[in-house]
Amino acid sequence: MSPFFQLMVVFTIVAYCSSYVVVVDPFERIEEANAAASASQDPQIPVVAPSDPILLRKRKSILVGLAEHTEEVCKTRIRQNHRPQYGHIANGSRVEIQQDEESSLEATFVECLGENRPPCHGVDHDLFISECVTVYEHRPANVRVVKSGGAFFAATVRVPILCECRLRRQFKDFDKRK
């Protein structure tokens, strides 16, 4: 079958189905495979790993169409490799966390700044009620109740993992809107 006829068949099927499929990923894999193959032949060309964080950020910004440097919706504090002395377990009790050679808890803590869930930046407050909320996960650690002096026991400690902006639509009368 000629390439022109194949192209006409494809366009006819697409027009008939009225849906479009864009395939991007396989082409990127092919380009990465070609780059890795050519780099292995020429030792002067550096090989960039597909999991390189800079490369991934550039790809994401190209796909999304946003600049790499954007405004924060919620002000956050990030503490990498943080080893807290105190924390809270699932039932809300404040505990001391064992941090020694036997056991330790080390994680990246990401939490929202401000108290009482401040509003998000850049949200239309006429349409939405917004709030910056810290999301937690539970990580295993050896703990004991603060000022108990007892033995450490295994429990799960709340660790802040991200700060997100939560939106709720405001339902107002139409005459009150601008």
Protein backbone atom coordinates (compact mmCIF):
# COMPACT_ATOMS: atom_id res chain seq x y z
CA MET A 1 0.00 0.00 0.00
CA SER A 2 1.37 3.43 -0.86
CA PRO A 3 2.20 5.87 1.96
CA PHE A 4 -0.30 8.39 0.58
CA PHE A 5 -3.11 5.83 0.66
CA GLN A 6 -2.13 4.78 4.22
CA LEU A 7 -2.24 8.42 5.30
CA MET A 8 -5.70 8.87 3.77
CA VAL A 9 -6.97 5.77 5.61
CA VAL A 10 -5.62 7.07 8.93
CA PHE A 11 -7.21 10.50 8.46
CA THR A 12 -10.52 8.89 7.48
CA ILE A 13 -10.52 6.73 10.61
CA VAL A 14 -9.63 9.69 12.80
CA ALA A 15 -12.37 11.84 11.25
CA TYR A 16 -14.90 9.03 11.62
CA CYS A 17 -14.06 8.36 15.28
CA SER A 18 -13.78 12.10 16.05
CA SER A 19 -11.13 11.43 18.66
CA TYR A 20 -7.43 12.06 18.62
CA VAL A 21 -4.63 10.17 20.28
CA VAL A 22 -1.28 11.83 20.80
CA VAL A 23 1.61 9.48 21.47
CA VAL A 24 4.68 11.20 22.87
CA ASP A 25 6.32 8.71 25.19
CA PRO A 26 7.59 6.11 22.66
CA PHE A 27 9.35 8.79 20.62
CA GLU A 28 11.17 10.01 23.72
CA ARG A 29 12.23 6.46 24.55
CA ILE A 30 13.54 5.96 21.03
CA GLU A 31 15.50 9.21 21.22
CA GLU A 32 16.95 8.19 24.61
CA ALA A 33 17.89 4.78 23.23
CA ASN A 34 19.55 6.38 20.18
CA ALA A 35 21.41 8.86 22.42
CA ALA A 36 22.62 6.07 24.70
CA ALA A 37 23.71 3.97 21.71
CA SER A 38 25.56 6.85 20.07
CA ALA A 39 27.15 7.86 23.38
CA SER A 40 28.45 4.34 23.93
CA GLN A 41 30.15 4.57 20.52
CA ASP A 42 31.62 8.04 21.19
CA PRO A 43 33.17 8.34 24.69
CA GLN A 44 33.31 12.17 24.50
CA ILE A 45 29.50 12.56 24.51
CA PRO A 46 28.15 12.48 28.09
CA VAL A 47 25.25 10.15 28.80
CA VAL A 48 22.29 11.74 30.60
CA ALA A 49 20.30 9.31 32.71
CA PRO A 50 16.55 9.25 31.97
CA SER A 51 15.91 9.81 35.68
CA ASP A 52 18.04 12.98 35.80
CA PRO A 53 15.95 15.48 37.85
CA ILE A 54 16.93 18.50 35.74
CA LEU A 55 15.97 16.70 32.53
CA LEU A 56 12.67 15.57 34.04
CA ARG A 57 11.82 19.13 35.19
CA LYS A 58 12.56 20.51 31.73
CA ARG A 59 10.39 17.85 30.08
CA LYS A 60 7.57 18.51 32.51
CA SER A 61 7.71 22.27 31.95
CA ILE A 62 7.68 21.74 28.18
CA LEU A 63 4.72 19.35 28.36
CA VAL A 64 2.71 21.52 30.73
CA GLY A 65 3.70 24.78 29.06
CA LEU A 66 4.76 26.50 32.26
CA ALA A 67 7.98 28.20 33.21
CA GLU A 68 10.31 26.22 35.43
CA HIS A 69 10.12 28.94 38.10
CA THR A 70 6.54 29.43 39.22
CA GLU A 71 4.83 31.14 42.14
CA GLU A 72 4.03 29.20 45.27
CA VAL A 73 0.34 28.76 45.96
CA CYS A 74 1.09 27.96 49.60
CA LYS A 75 4.20 28.96 51.52
CA THR A 76 6.02 25.81 52.58
CA ARG A 77 8.95 24.78 54.72
CA ILE A 78 11.04 21.83 53.55
CA ARG A 79 13.46 20.13 55.93
CA GLN A 80 15.51 17.42 54.25
CA ASN A 81 17.01 14.56 56.26
CA HIS A 82 15.22 15.86 59.37
CA ARG A 83 15.61 13.78 62.54
CA PRO A 84 12.90 15.01 64.94
CA GLN A 85 13.20 14.49 68.70
CA TYR A 86 9.44 14.74 69.29
CA GLY A 87 6.32 13.94 67.29
CA HIS A 88 2.74 12.69 67.42
CA ILE A 89 1.45 9.16 67.02
CA ALA A 90 -1.84 8.14 65.37
CA ASN A 91 -3.98 8.78 68.47
CA GLY A 92 -2.57 12.33 68.82
CA SER A 93 -0.32 11.70 71.84
CA ARG A 94 2.92 13.68 71.95
CA VAL A 95 5.88 11.30 72.04
CA GLU A 96 9.66 11.33 72.19
CA ILE A 97 11.27 9.60 69.20
CA GLN A 98 14.24 7.29 69.73
CA GLN A 99 17.19 8.72 67.77
CA ASP A 100 20.27 6.60 68.41
CA GLU A 101 22.26 3.72 66.93
CA GLU A 102 19.45 1.23 67.60
CA SER A 103 16.62 3.13 65.95
CA SER A 104 16.10 6.43 64.22
CA LEU A 105 13.57 8.31 62.12
CA GLU A 106 14.92 10.46 59.30
CA ALA A 107 12.70 11.92 56.59
CA THR A 108 12.04 14.97 54.45
CA PHE A 109 9.43 17.09 56.20
CA VAL A 110 7.27 19.33 53.97
CA GLU A 111 4.71 21.46 55.77
CA CYS A 112 2.63 24.58 55.22
CA LEU A 113 3.73 27.78 56.93
CA GLY A 114 1.27 29.85 58.88
CA GLU A 115 -1.35 28.89 61.39
CA ASN A 116 -5.02 28.03 61.04
CA ARG A 117 -4.84 27.01 57.37
CA PRO A 118 -4.13 30.32 55.59
CA PRO A 119 -5.77 31.01 52.19
CA CYS A 120 -3.95 30.00 49.01
CA HIS A 121 -2.22 32.63 46.84
CA GLY A 122 -3.62 33.29 43.36
CA VAL A 123 -7.11 31.85 43.88
CA ASP A 124 -10.27 33.75 42.94
CA HIS A 125 -11.76 34.20 46.41
CA ASP A 126 -15.10 35.32 44.96
CA LEU A 127 -15.57 31.81 43.52
CA PHE A 128 -13.65 29.61 45.95
CA ILE A 129 -12.79 29.26 49.61
CA SER A 130 -9.16 28.12 49.73
CA GLU A 131 -6.89 26.85 52.46
CA CYS A 132 -3.31 25.56 52.64
CA VAL A 133 -3.34 22.16 54.33
CA THR A 134 -0.42 20.00 55.48
CA VAL A 135 -0.85 16.33 54.51
CA TYR A 136 0.65 13.66 56.77
CA GLU A 137 1.66 10.04 56.46
CA HIS A 138 2.57 7.60 59.21
CA ARG A 139 6.11 6.20 59.48
CA PRO A 140 7.30 3.47 61.86
CA ALA A 141 9.56 4.52 64.75
CA ASN A 142 10.37 3.63 68.35
CA VAL A 143 8.72 6.13 70.70
CA ARG A 144 7.76 6.76 74.31
CA VAL A 145 5.29 9.16 75.85
CA VAL A 146 6.89 12.53 76.65
CA LYS A 147 8.25 12.81 80.22
CA SER A 148 7.30 9.21 81.02
CA GLY A 149 10.87 7.88 81.20
CA GLY A 150 9.53 4.45 80.21
CA ALA A 151 10.83 2.06 77.59
CA PHE A 152 10.57 2.84 73.89
CA PHE A 153 7.90 0.94 71.94
CA ALA A 154 7.11 0.54 68.23
CA ALA A 155 4.50 2.92 66.84
CA THR A 156 3.79 5.05 63.79
CA VAL A 157 4.66 8.75 63.85
CA ARG A 158 2.89 11.45 61.83
CA VAL A 159 5.28 12.91 59.25
CA PRO A 160 4.28 15.96 57.12
CA ILE A 161 4.86 15.03 53.47
CA LEU A 162 3.29 17.87 51.46
CA CYS A 163 1.40 21.14 51.55
CA GLU A 164 -1.64 21.33 49.31
CA CYS A 165 -4.21 23.94 48.41
CA ARG A 166 -7.77 22.76 49.00
CA LEU A 167 -10.63 24.54 47.26
CA ARG A 168 -14.35 24.65 47.99
CA ARG A 169 -16.75 26.42 45.66
CA GLN A 170 -18.60 29.34 47.22
CA PHE A 171 -22.29 29.43 46.53
CA LYS A 172 -23.42 33.05 46.51
CA ASP A 173 -26.41 34.85 45.11
CA PHE A 174 -25.80 36.09 41.57
CA ASP A 175 -26.54 39.71 42.45
CA LYS A 176 -23.73 39.79 45.04
CA ARG A 177 -21.03 38.82 42.53
CA LYS A 178 -19.02 41.48 40.73
